PDB file of N, CA and C in Angstrom:
ATOM      1  N   UNK A   1      18.983 -12.473   4.698  1.00  0.00           N
ATOM      2  CA  UNK A   1      17.667 -13.030   4.493  1.00  0.00           C
ATOM      3  C   UNK A   1      17.425 -13.132   2.990  1.00  0.00           C
ATOM      4  N   UNK A   2      17.383 -14.332   2.482  1.00  0.00           N
ATOM      5  CA  UNK A   2      17.222 -14.549   1.056  1.00  0.00           C
ATOM      6  C   UNK A   2      15.898 -15.274   0.816  1.00  0.00           C
ATOM      7  N   UNK A   3      14.813 -14.590   1.094  1.00  0.00           N
ATOM      8  CA  UNK A   3      13.481 -15.177   0.987  1.00  0.00           C
ATOM      9  C   UNK A   3      12.879 -14.862  -0.379  1.00  0.00           C
ATOM     10  N   UNK A   4      12.480 -15.908  -1.104  1.00  0.00           N
ATOM     11  CA  UNK A   4      11.893 -15.732  -2.430  1.00  0.00           C
ATOM     12  C   UNK A   4      10.407 -15.425  -2.314  1.00  0.00           C
ATOM     13  N   UNK A   5       9.931 -14.537  -3.175  1.00  0.00           N
ATOM     14  CA  UNK A   5       8.513 -14.210  -3.243  1.00  0.00           C
ATOM     15  C   UNK A   5       7.963 -14.774  -4.540  1.00  0.00           C
ATOM     16  N   UNK A   6       6.645 -15.038  -4.607  1.00  0.00           N
ATOM     17  CA  UNK A   6       6.071 -15.638  -5.815  1.00  0.00           C
ATOM     18  C   UNK A   6       6.341 -14.837  -7.096  1.00  0.00           C
ATOM     19  N   UNK A   7       6.418 -13.507  -7.014  1.00  0.00           N
ATOM     20  CA  UNK A   7       6.597 -12.689  -8.218  1.00  0.00           C
ATOM     21  C   UNK A   7       8.073 -12.458  -8.573  1.00  0.00           C
ATOM     22  N   UNK A   8       9.019 -12.969  -7.780  1.00  0.00           N
ATOM     23  CA  UNK A   8      10.432 -12.762  -8.087  1.00  0.00           C
ATOM     24  C   UNK A   8      10.814 -13.273  -9.475  1.00  0.00           C
ATOM     25  N   UNK A   9      10.331 -14.441  -9.913  1.00  0.00           N
ATOM     26  CA  UNK A   9      10.672 -14.883 -11.276  1.00  0.00           C
ATOM     27  C   UNK A   9      10.170 -13.908 -12.350  1.00  0.00           C
ATOM     28  N   UNK A  10       9.038 -13.266 -12.112  1.00  0.00           N
ATOM     29  CA  UNK A  10       8.516 -12.280 -13.062  1.00  0.00           C
ATOM     30  C   UNK A  10       9.480 -11.105 -13.190  1.00  0.00           C
ATOM     31  N   UNK A  11       9.924 -10.564 -12.078  1.00  0.00           N
ATOM     32  CA  UNK A  11      10.845  -9.423 -12.105  1.00  0.00           C
ATOM     33  C   UNK A  11      12.154  -9.824 -12.778  1.00  0.00           C
ATOM     34  N   UNK A  12      12.657 -10.998 -12.464  1.00  0.00           N
ATOM     35  CA  UNK A  12      13.895 -11.481 -13.082  1.00  0.00           C
ATOM     36  C   UNK A  12      13.729 -11.617 -14.595  1.00  0.00           C
ATOM     37  N   UNK A  13      12.610 -12.182 -15.039  1.00  0.00           N
ATOM     38  CA  UNK A  13      12.355 -12.347 -16.475  1.00  0.00           C
ATOM     39  C   UNK A  13      12.200 -10.995 -17.165  1.00  0.00           C
ATOM     40  N   UNK A  14      11.470 -10.077 -16.544  1.00  0.00           N
ATOM     41  CA  UNK A  14      11.303  -8.750 -17.140  1.00  0.00           C
ATOM     42  C   UNK A  14      12.645  -8.046 -17.283  1.00  0.00           C
ATOM     43  N   UNK A  15      13.463  -8.125 -16.254  1.00  0.00           N
ATOM     44  CA  UNK A  15      14.777  -7.476 -16.305  1.00  0.00           C
ATOM     45  C   UNK A  15      15.625  -8.044 -17.438  1.00  0.00           C
ATOM     46  N   UNK A  16      15.589  -9.361 -17.619  1.00  0.00           N
ATOM     47  CA  UNK A  16      16.396  -9.972 -18.682  1.00  0.00           C
ATOM     48  C   UNK A  16      15.796  -9.747 -20.068  1.00  0.00           C
ATOM     49  N   UNK A  17      14.526  -9.322 -20.133  1.00  0.00           N
ATOM     50  CA  UNK A  17      13.851  -9.105 -21.412  1.00  0.00           C
ATOM     51  C   UNK A  17      13.937  -7.669 -21.909  1.00  0.00           C
ATOM     52  N   UNK A  18      14.625  -6.823 -21.175  1.00  0.00           N
ATOM     53  CA  UNK A  18      14.745  -5.415 -21.556  1.00  0.00           C
ATOM     54  C   UNK A  18      16.100  -5.134 -22.184  1.00  0.00           C
ATOM     55  N   UNK A  19      16.073  -4.299 -23.227  1.00  0.00           N
ATOM     56  CA  UNK A  19      17.318  -3.841 -23.815  1.00  0.00           C
ATOM     57  C   UNK A  19      17.968  -2.803 -22.921  1.00  0.00           C
ATOM     58  N   UNK A  20      19.180  -2.419 -23.226  1.00  0.00           N
ATOM     59  CA  UNK A  20      19.912  -1.423 -22.438  1.00  0.00           C
ATOM     60  C   UNK A  20      19.151  -0.109 -22.351  1.00  0.00           C
ATOM     61  N   UNK A  21      18.434   0.241 -23.422  1.00  0.00           N
ATOM     62  CA  UNK A  21      17.697   1.508 -23.455  1.00  0.00           C
ATOM     63  C   UNK A  21      16.250   1.369 -22.967  1.00  0.00           C
ATOM     64  N   UNK A  22      15.878   0.202 -22.458  1.00  0.00           N
ATOM     65  CA  UNK A  22      14.532   0.001 -21.937  1.00  0.00           C
ATOM     66  C   UNK A  22      13.537  -0.533 -22.946  1.00  0.00           C
ATOM     67  N   UNK A  23      14.006  -0.837 -24.160  1.00  0.00           N
ATOM     68  CA  UNK A  23      13.100  -1.397 -25.156  1.00  0.00           C
ATOM     69  C   UNK A  23      12.701  -2.814 -24.748  1.00  0.00           C
ATOM     70  N   UNK A  24      11.482  -3.160 -25.084  1.00  0.00           N
ATOM     71  CA  UNK A  24      10.934  -4.461 -24.712  1.00  0.00           C
ATOM     72  C   UNK A  24      11.146  -5.473 -25.823  1.00  0.00           C
ATOM     73  N   UNK A  25      11.404  -6.716 -25.461  1.00  0.00           N
ATOM     74  CA  UNK A  25      11.535  -7.780 -26.458  1.00  0.00           C
ATOM     75  C   UNK A  25      10.222  -8.534 -26.614  1.00  0.00           C
ATOM     76  N   UNK A  26       9.158  -8.002 -26.011  1.00  0.00           N
ATOM     77  CA  UNK A  26       7.836  -8.624 -26.092  1.00  0.00           C
ATOM     78  C   UNK A  26       6.799  -7.522 -26.263  1.00  0.00           C
ATOM     79  N   UNK A  27       5.613  -7.887 -26.722  1.00  0.00           N
ATOM     80  CA  UNK A  27       4.558  -6.910 -26.980  1.00  0.00           C
ATOM     81  C   UNK A  27       3.870  -6.423 -25.730  1.00  0.00           C
ATOM     82  N   UNK A  28       3.323  -7.353 -24.945  1.00  0.00           N
ATOM     83  CA  UNK A  28       2.684  -6.954 -23.697  1.00  0.00           C
ATOM     84  C   UNK A  28       2.757  -8.086 -22.681  1.00  0.00           C
ATOM     85  N   UNK A  29       2.414  -7.729 -21.478  1.00  0.00           N
ATOM     86  CA  UNK A  29       2.484  -8.642 -20.347  1.00  0.00           C
ATOM     87  C   UNK A  29       1.073  -9.034 -19.938  1.00  0.00           C
ATOM     88  N   UNK A  30       0.872 -10.295 -19.645  1.00  0.00           N
ATOM     89  CA  UNK A  30      -0.405 -10.778 -19.119  1.00  0.00           C
ATOM     90  C   UNK A  30      -0.142 -11.280 -17.706  1.00  0.00           C
ATOM     91  N   UNK A  31      -0.883 -10.725 -16.751  1.00  0.00           N
ATOM     92  CA  UNK A  31      -0.767 -11.149 -15.358  1.00  0.00           C
ATOM     93  C   UNK A  31      -2.047 -11.857 -14.950  1.00  0.00           C
ATOM     94  N   UNK A  32      -1.898 -13.016 -14.368  1.00  0.00           N
ATOM     95  CA  UNK A  32      -3.029 -13.733 -13.796  1.00  0.00           C
ATOM     96  C   UNK A  32      -3.002 -13.411 -12.307  1.00  0.00           C
ATOM     97  N   UNK A  33      -3.964 -12.615 -11.869  1.00  0.00           N
ATOM     98  CA  UNK A  33      -3.960 -12.111 -10.503  1.00  0.00           C
ATOM     99  C   UNK A  33      -5.096 -12.727  -9.695  1.00  0.00           C
ATOM    100  N   UNK A  34      -5.146 -12.357  -8.437  1.00  0.00           N
ATOM    101  CA  UNK A  34      -6.203 -12.847  -7.558  1.00  0.00           C
ATOM    102  C   UNK A  34      -7.575 -12.304  -7.947  1.00  0.00           C
ATOM    103  N   UNK A  35      -7.623 -11.192  -8.693  1.00  0.00           N
ATOM    104  CA  UNK A  35      -8.908 -10.567  -9.034  1.00  0.00           C
ATOM    105  C   UNK A  35      -9.282 -10.696 -10.502  1.00  0.00           C
ATOM    106  N   UNK A  36      -8.355 -11.087 -11.385  1.00  0.00           N
ATOM    107  CA  UNK A  36      -8.667 -11.220 -12.796  1.00  0.00           C
ATOM    108  C   UNK A  36      -7.419 -11.279 -13.659  1.00  0.00           C
ATOM    109  N   UNK A  37      -7.638 -11.297 -14.963  1.00  0.00           N
ATOM    110  CA  UNK A  37      -6.544 -11.319 -15.930  1.00  0.00           C
ATOM    111  C   UNK A  37      -6.259  -9.877 -16.352  1.00  0.00           C
ATOM    112  N   UNK A  38      -5.002  -9.463 -16.214  1.00  0.00           N
ATOM    113  CA  UNK A  38      -4.580  -8.097 -16.500  1.00  0.00           C
ATOM    114  C   UNK A  38      -3.632  -8.129 -17.688  1.00  0.00           C
ATOM    115  N   UNK A  39      -3.948  -7.333 -18.733  1.00  0.00           N
ATOM    116  CA  UNK A  39      -3.094  -7.255 -19.919  1.00  0.00           C
ATOM    117  C   UNK A  39      -2.637  -5.818 -20.096  1.00  0.00           C
ATOM    118  N   UNK A  40      -1.338  -5.631 -20.322  1.00  0.00           N
ATOM    119  CA  UNK A  40      -0.817  -4.283 -20.528  1.00  0.00           C
ATOM    120  C   UNK A  40       0.659  -4.315 -20.876  1.00  0.00           C
ATOM    121  N   UNK A  41       1.217  -3.121 -20.957  1.00  0.00           N
ATOM    122  CA  UNK A  41       2.656  -2.971 -21.217  1.00  0.00           C
ATOM    123  C   UNK A  41       3.298  -2.401 -19.967  1.00  0.00           C
ATOM    124  N   UNK A  42       4.496  -2.871 -19.638  1.00  0.00           N
ATOM    125  CA  UNK A  42       5.126  -2.328 -18.442  1.00  0.00           C
ATOM    126  C   UNK A  42       5.473  -0.867 -18.683  1.00  0.00           C
ATOM    127  N   UNK A  43       5.338  -0.069 -17.633  1.00  0.00           N
ATOM    128  CA  UNK A  43       5.585   1.363 -17.728  1.00  0.00           C
ATOM    129  C   UNK A  43       7.059   1.674 -17.930  1.00  0.00           C
ATOM    130  N   UNK A  44       7.323   2.772 -18.613  1.00  0.00           N
ATOM    131  CA  UNK A  44       8.700   3.185 -18.906  1.00  0.00           C
ATOM    132  C   UNK A  44       9.493   3.421 -17.621  1.00  0.00           C
ATOM    133  N   UNK A  45       8.882   4.070 -16.649  1.00  0.00           N
ATOM    134  CA  UNK A  45       9.565   4.338 -15.386  1.00  0.00           C
ATOM    135  C   UNK A  45       9.933   3.038 -14.693  1.00  0.00           C
ATOM    136  N   UNK A  46       8.999   2.086 -14.699  1.00  0.00           N
ATOM    137  CA  UNK A  46       9.256   0.779 -14.096  1.00  0.00           C
ATOM    138  C   UNK A  46      10.396   0.081 -14.835  1.00  0.00           C
ATOM    139  N   UNK A  47      10.358   0.092 -16.162  1.00  0.00           N
ATOM    140  CA  UNK A  47      11.391  -0.562 -16.973  1.00  0.00           C
ATOM    141  C   UNK A  47      12.756   0.069 -16.734  1.00  0.00           C
ATOM    142  N   UNK A  48      12.808   1.394 -16.679  1.00  0.00           N
ATOM    143  CA  UNK A  48      14.083   2.073 -16.439  1.00  0.00           C
ATOM    144  C   UNK A  48      14.626   1.749 -15.055  1.00  0.00           C
ATOM    145  N   UNK A  49      13.725   1.583 -14.084  1.00  0.00           N
ATOM    146  CA  UNK A  49      14.145   1.192 -12.745  1.00  0.00           C
ATOM    147  C   UNK A  49      14.783  -0.184 -12.724  1.00  0.00           C
ATOM    148  N   UNK A  50      14.253  -1.095 -13.531  1.00  0.00           N
ATOM    149  CA  UNK A  50      14.824  -2.436 -13.615  1.00  0.00           C
ATOM    150  C   UNK A  50      16.229  -2.406 -14.204  1.00  0.00           C
ATOM    151  N   UNK A  51      16.428  -1.549 -15.200  1.00  0.00           N
ATOM    152  CA  UNK A  51      17.725  -1.466 -15.870  1.00  0.00           C
ATOM    153  C   UNK A  51      18.780  -0.884 -14.944  1.00  0.00           C
ATOM    154  N   UNK A  52      18.376   0.067 -14.112  1.00  0.00           N
ATOM    155  CA  UNK A  52      19.326   0.775 -13.261  1.00  0.00           C
ATOM    156  C   UNK A  52      19.876  -0.020 -12.099  1.00  0.00           C
ATOM    157  N   UNK A  53      19.304  -1.163 -11.787  1.00  0.00           N
ATOM    158  CA  UNK A  53      19.755  -1.960 -10.638  1.00  0.00           C
ATOM    159  C   UNK A  53      20.892  -2.882 -11.058  1.00  0.00           C
ATOM    160  N   UNK A  54      21.982  -2.831 -10.285  1.00  0.00           N
ATOM    161  CA  UNK A  54      23.133  -3.661 -10.630  1.00  0.00           C
ATOM    162  C   UNK A  54      22.980  -5.090 -10.146  1.00  0.00           C
ATOM    163  N   UNK A  55      22.503  -5.270  -8.921  1.00  0.00           N
ATOM    164  CA  UNK A  55      22.384  -6.638  -8.414  1.00  0.00           C
ATOM    165  C   UNK A  55      20.939  -7.097  -8.463  1.00  0.00           C
ATOM    166  N   UNK A  56      20.750  -8.382  -8.706  1.00  0.00           N
ATOM    167  CA  UNK A  56      19.405  -8.937  -8.779  1.00  0.00           C
ATOM    168  C   UNK A  56      18.714  -8.867  -7.422  1.00  0.00           C
ATOM    169  N   UNK A  57      19.460  -9.045  -6.346  1.00  0.00           N
ATOM    170  CA  UNK A  57      18.875  -8.986  -5.000  1.00  0.00           C
ATOM    171  C   UNK A  57      18.279  -7.610  -4.734  1.00  0.00           C
ATOM    172  N   UNK A  58      18.980  -6.549  -5.139  1.00  0.00           N
ATOM    173  CA  UNK A  58      18.456  -5.187  -4.965  1.00  0.00           C
ATOM    174  C   UNK A  58      17.184  -4.993  -5.776  1.00  0.00           C
ATOM    175  N   UNK A  59      17.159  -5.511  -6.989  1.00  0.00           N
ATOM    176  CA  UNK A  59      15.995  -5.384  -7.857  1.00  0.00           C
ATOM    177  C   UNK A  59      14.788  -6.076  -7.251  1.00  0.00           C
ATOM    178  N   UNK A  60      14.957  -7.310  -6.806  1.00  0.00           N
ATOM    179  CA  UNK A  60      13.849  -8.079  -6.268  1.00  0.00           C
ATOM    180  C   UNK A  60      13.316  -7.481  -4.975  1.00  0.00           C
ATOM    181  N   UNK A  61      14.193  -6.984  -4.132  1.00  0.00           N
ATOM    182  CA  UNK A  61      13.780  -6.451  -2.842  1.00  0.00           C
ATOM    183  C   UNK A  61      13.009  -5.148  -2.971  1.00  0.00           C
ATOM    184  N   UNK A  62      13.257  -4.397  -4.024  1.00  0.00           N
ATOM    185  CA  UNK A  62      12.676  -3.060  -4.154  1.00  0.00           C
ATOM    186  C   UNK A  62      11.208  -3.044  -4.556  1.00  0.00           C
ATOM    187  N   UNK A  63      10.766  -3.974  -5.356  1.00  0.00           N
ATOM    188  CA  UNK A  63       9.455  -3.861  -5.987  1.00  0.00           C
ATOM    189  C   UNK A  63       8.337  -4.561  -5.229  1.00  0.00           C
ATOM    190  N   UNK A  64       7.316  -3.796  -4.927  1.00  0.00           N
ATOM    191  CA  UNK A  64       6.086  -4.319  -4.324  1.00  0.00           C
ATOM    192  C   UNK A  64       4.931  -4.236  -5.314  1.00  0.00           C
ATOM    193  N   UNK A  65       5.037  -3.315  -6.292  1.00  0.00           N
ATOM    194  CA  UNK A  65       4.005  -3.142  -7.312  1.00  0.00           C
ATOM    195  C   UNK A  65       4.662  -3.076  -8.682  1.00  0.00           C
ATOM    196  N   UNK A  66       3.878  -3.398  -9.700  1.00  0.00           N
ATOM    197  CA  UNK A  66       4.333  -3.265 -11.078  1.00  0.00           C
ATOM    198  C   UNK A  66       3.437  -2.235 -11.763  1.00  0.00           C
ATOM    199  N   UNK A  67       4.046  -1.355 -12.543  1.00  0.00           N
ATOM    200  CA  UNK A  67       3.324  -0.318 -13.278  1.00  0.00           C
ATOM    201  C   UNK A  67       3.037  -0.830 -14.684  1.00  0.00           C
ATOM    202  N   UNK A  68       1.758  -0.762 -15.086  1.00  0.00           N
ATOM    203  CA  UNK A  68       1.354  -1.176 -16.428  1.00  0.00           C
ATOM    204  C   UNK A  68       0.624  -0.040 -17.125  1.00  0.00           C
ATOM    205  N   UNK A  69       0.820   0.086 -18.432  1.00  0.00           N
ATOM    206  CA  UNK A  69       0.137   1.093 -19.250  1.00  0.00           C
ATOM    207  C   UNK A  69      -0.784   0.407 -20.253  1.00  0.00           C
ATOM    208  N   UNK A  70      -1.805   1.154 -20.723  1.00  0.00           N
ATOM    209  CA  UNK A  70      -2.760   0.640 -21.716  1.00  0.00           C
ATOM    210  C   UNK A  70      -3.305  -0.722 -21.286  1.00  0.00           C
ATOM    211  N   UNK A  71      -3.976  -0.737 -20.164  1.00  0.00           N
ATOM    212  CA  UNK A  71      -4.354  -1.956 -19.465  1.00  0.00           C
ATOM    213  C   UNK A  71      -5.814  -2.327 -19.688  1.00  0.00           C
ATOM    214  N   UNK A  72      -6.066  -3.623 -19.832  1.00  0.00           N
ATOM    215  CA  UNK A  72      -7.423  -4.157 -19.751  1.00  0.00           C
ATOM    216  C   UNK A  72      -7.434  -5.211 -18.648  1.00  0.00           C
ATOM    217  N   UNK A  73      -8.535  -5.239 -17.928  1.00  0.00           N
ATOM    218  CA  UNK A  73      -8.702  -6.200 -16.839  1.00  0.00           C
ATOM    219  C   UNK A  73      -9.976  -6.987 -17.092  1.00  0.00           C
ATOM    220  N   UNK A  74      -9.861  -8.287 -17.123  1.00  0.00           N
ATOM    221  CA  UNK A  74     -11.022  -9.173 -17.208  1.00  0.00           C
ATOM    222  C   UNK A  74     -11.219  -9.754 -15.813  1.00  0.00           C
ATOM    223  N   UNK A  75     -12.209  -9.241 -15.111  1.00  0.00           N
ATOM    224  CA  UNK A  75     -12.449  -9.666 -13.737  1.00  0.00           C
ATOM    225  C   UNK A  75     -12.985 -11.093 -13.687  1.00  0.00           C
ATOM    226  N   UNK A  76     -12.584 -11.826 -12.677  1.00  0.00           N
ATOM    227  CA  UNK A  76     -13.083 -13.184 -12.477  1.00  0.00           C
ATOM    228  C   UNK A  76     -14.527 -13.173 -12.008  1.00  0.00           C
ATOM    229  N   UNK A  77     -14.890 -12.171 -11.267  1.00  0.00           N
ATOM    230  CA  UNK A  77     -16.236 -12.088 -10.707  1.00  0.00           C
ATOM    231  C   UNK A  77     -17.239 -11.752 -11.800  1.00  0.00           C
ATOM    232  N   UNK A  78     -18.359 -12.452 -11.841  1.00  0.00           N
ATOM    233  CA  UNK A  78     -19.369 -12.237 -12.876  1.00  0.00           C
ATOM    234  C   UNK A  78     -20.040 -10.874 -12.798  1.00  0.00           C
ATOM    235  N   UNK A  79     -20.096 -10.273 -11.628  1.00  0.00           N
ATOM    236  CA  UNK A  79     -20.820  -9.009 -11.501  1.00  0.00           C
ATOM    237  C   UNK A  79     -19.984  -7.784 -11.866  1.00  0.00           C
ATOM    238  N   UNK A  80     -18.722  -7.971 -12.172  1.00  0.00           N
ATOM    239  CA  UNK A  80     -17.875  -6.850 -12.576  1.00  0.00           C
ATOM    240  C   UNK A  80     -17.577  -6.946 -14.075  1.00  0.00           C
ATOM    241  N   UNK A  81     -17.761  -5.864 -14.762  1.00  0.00           N
ATOM    242  CA  UNK A  81     -17.469  -5.831 -16.204  1.00  0.00           C
ATOM    243  C   UNK A  81     -15.957  -5.720 -16.426  1.00  0.00           C
ATOM    244  N   UNK A  82     -15.538  -5.945 -17.672  1.00  0.00           N
ATOM    245  CA  UNK A  82     -14.147  -5.700 -18.023  1.00  0.00           C
ATOM    246  C   UNK A  82     -13.864  -4.216 -17.879  1.00  0.00           C
ATOM    247  N   UNK A  83     -12.625  -3.895 -17.582  1.00  0.00           N
ATOM    248  CA  UNK A  83     -12.250  -2.500 -17.375  1.00  0.00           C
ATOM    249  C   UNK A  83     -11.003  -2.180 -18.183  1.00  0.00           C
ATOM    250  N   UNK A  84     -10.864  -0.900 -18.547  1.00  0.00           N
ATOM    251  CA  UNK A  84      -9.676  -0.408 -19.247  1.00  0.00           C
ATOM    252  C   UNK A  84      -9.111   0.769 -18.474  1.00  0.00           C
ATOM    253  N   UNK A  85      -7.786   0.849 -18.434  1.00  0.00           N
ATOM    254  CA  UNK A  85      -7.107   1.920 -17.713  1.00  0.00           C
ATOM    255  C   UNK A  85      -5.905   2.388 -18.519  1.00  0.00           C
ATOM    256  N   UNK A  86      -5.616   3.685 -18.438  1.00  0.00           N
ATOM    257  CA  UNK A  86      -4.394   4.202 -19.043  1.00  0.00           C
ATOM    258  C   UNK A  86      -3.177   3.685 -18.286  1.00  0.00           C
ATOM    259  N   UNK A  87      -3.301   3.638 -16.953  1.00  0.00           N
ATOM    260  CA  UNK A  87      -2.206   3.173 -16.104  1.00  0.00           C
ATOM    261  C   UNK A  87      -2.804   2.443 -14.911  1.00  0.00           C
ATOM    262  N   UNK A  88      -2.186   1.320 -14.551  1.00  0.00           N
ATOM    263  CA  UNK A  88      -2.643   0.534 -13.414  1.00  0.00           C
ATOM    264  C   UNK A  88      -1.420   0.021 -12.675  1.00  0.00           C
ATOM    265  N   UNK A  89      -1.499   0.050 -11.367  1.00  0.00           N
ATOM    266  CA  UNK A  89      -0.444  -0.485 -10.514  1.00  0.00           C
ATOM    267  C   UNK A  89      -0.987  -1.733  -9.840  1.00  0.00           C
ATOM    268  N   UNK A  90      -0.280  -2.851  -9.993  1.00  0.00           N
ATOM    269  CA  UNK A  90      -0.718  -4.130  -9.448  1.00  0.00           C
ATOM    270  C   UNK A  90       0.293  -4.576  -8.388  1.00  0.00           C
ATOM    271  N   UNK A  91      -0.210  -4.942  -7.213  1.00  0.00           N
ATOM    272  CA  UNK A  91       0.665  -5.476  -6.173  1.00  0.00           C
ATOM    273  C   UNK A  91       1.218  -6.813  -6.641  1.00  0.00           C
ATOM    274  N   UNK A  92       2.506  -6.983  -6.530  1.00  0.00           N
ATOM    275  CA  UNK A  92       3.132  -8.229  -6.958  1.00  0.00           C
ATOM    276  C   UNK A  92       2.649  -9.412  -6.122  1.00  0.00           C
ATOM    277  N   UNK A  93       2.207  -9.147  -4.911  1.00  0.00           N
ATOM    278  CA  UNK A  93       1.678 -10.239  -4.082  1.00  0.00           C
ATOM    279  C   UNK A  93       0.365 -10.785  -4.638  1.00  0.00           C
ATOM    280  N   UNK A  94      -0.301 -10.036  -5.540  1.00  0.00           N
ATOM    281  CA  UNK A  94      -1.538 -10.485  -6.174  1.00  0.00           C
ATOM    282  C   UNK A  94      -1.287 -11.308  -7.436  1.00  0.00           C
ATOM    283  N   UNK A  95      -0.054 -11.345  -7.921  1.00  0.00           N
ATOM    284  CA  UNK A  95       0.259 -12.044  -9.174  1.00  0.00           C
ATOM    285  C   UNK A  95       0.414 -13.538  -8.902  1.00  0.00           C
ATOM    286  N   UNK A  96      -0.412 -14.325  -9.596  1.00  0.00           N
ATOM    287  CA  UNK A  96      -0.381 -15.779  -9.451  1.00  0.00           C
ATOM    288  C   UNK A  96       0.319 -16.466 -10.617  1.00  0.00           C
ATOM    289  N   UNK A  97       0.377 -15.780 -11.759  1.00  0.00           N
ATOM    290  CA  UNK A  97       1.035 -16.304 -12.950  1.00  0.00           C
ATOM    291  C   UNK A  97       1.204 -15.181 -13.950  1.00  0.00           C
ATOM    292  N   UNK A  98       1.970 -15.416 -15.013  1.00  0.00           N
ATOM    293  CA  UNK A  98       2.218 -14.364 -15.999  1.00  0.00           C
ATOM    294  C   UNK A  98       2.636 -14.962 -17.330  1.00  0.00           C
ATOM    295  N   UNK A  99       2.521 -14.131 -18.370  1.00  0.00           N
ATOM    296  CA  UNK A  99       2.981 -14.514 -19.712  1.00  0.00           C
ATOM    297  C   UNK A  99       3.467 -13.261 -20.426  1.00  0.00           C
ATOM    298  N   UNK A 100       4.491 -13.415 -21.233  1.00  0.00           N
ATOM    299  CA  UNK A 100       4.965 -12.356 -22.122  1.00  0.00           C
ATOM    300  C   UNK A 100       4.429 -12.706 -23.497  1.00  0.00           C
ATOM    301  N   UNK A 101       3.739 -11.760 -24.140  1.00  0.00           N
ATOM    302  CA  UNK A 101       3.027 -12.055 -25.381  1.00  0.00           C
ATOM    303  C   UNK A 101       3.508 -11.147 -26.512  1.00  0.00           C
ATOM    304  N   UNK A 102       3.743 -11.761 -27.679  1.00  0.00           N
ATOM    305  CA  UNK A 102       4.061 -11.001 -28.881  1.00  0.00           C
ATOM    306  C   UNK A 102       5.487 -10.482 -28.890  1.00  0.00           C
ATOM    307  N   UNK A 103       5.963 -10.204 -30.091  1.00  0.00           N
ATOM    308  CA  UNK A 103       7.270  -9.607 -30.272  1.00  0.00           C
ATOM    309  C   UNK A 103       7.134  -8.120 -30.441  1.00  0.00           C
ATOM    310  N   UNK A 104       8.062  -7.382 -29.893  1.00  0.00           N
ATOM    311  CA  UNK A 104       8.048  -5.930 -30.037  1.00  0.00           C
ATOM    312  C   UNK A 104       8.128  -5.569 -31.515  1.00  0.00           C
ATOM    313  N   UNK A 105       7.243  -4.684 -31.923  1.00  0.00           N
ATOM    314  CA  UNK A 105       7.260  -4.229 -33.298  1.00  0.00           C
ATOM    315  C   UNK A 105       6.435  -5.057 -34.247  1.00  0.00           C
ATOM    316  N   UNK A 106       5.905  -6.184 -33.774  1.00  0.00           N
ATOM    317  CA  UNK A 106       5.072  -6.986 -34.672  1.00  0.00           C
ATOM    318  C   UNK A 106       3.628  -6.551 -34.566  1.00  0.00           C
ATOM    319  N   UNK A 107       2.867  -6.743 -35.602  1.00  0.00           N
ATOM    320  CA  UNK A 107       1.484  -6.312 -35.669  1.00  0.00           C
ATOM    321  C   UNK A 107       0.613  -7.222 -34.949  1.00  0.00           C
TER     322      UNK A 107
END
């Protein structure tokens, strides 16, 4: 069963954007989700998990959520204020689009 999910390209891109030691080649990740715009950095545990997988099929099949650190959420709904979190887990099924922003180490 080789069924593609909407967030599979995100996982593939993140995996290819990580160094062998888990260093990021980008500053932070922006996710456009069903509930708002989420900005943060992928968690170290999540990044290390991506590195440890040998086959892409195993990597894609394993992940249902993405771990983000130092997160801000801009909700689409007018009655909810922006929120900040130390750590947030987002279901990949909620991701509608994404962007990698900034270079690692740049101001």
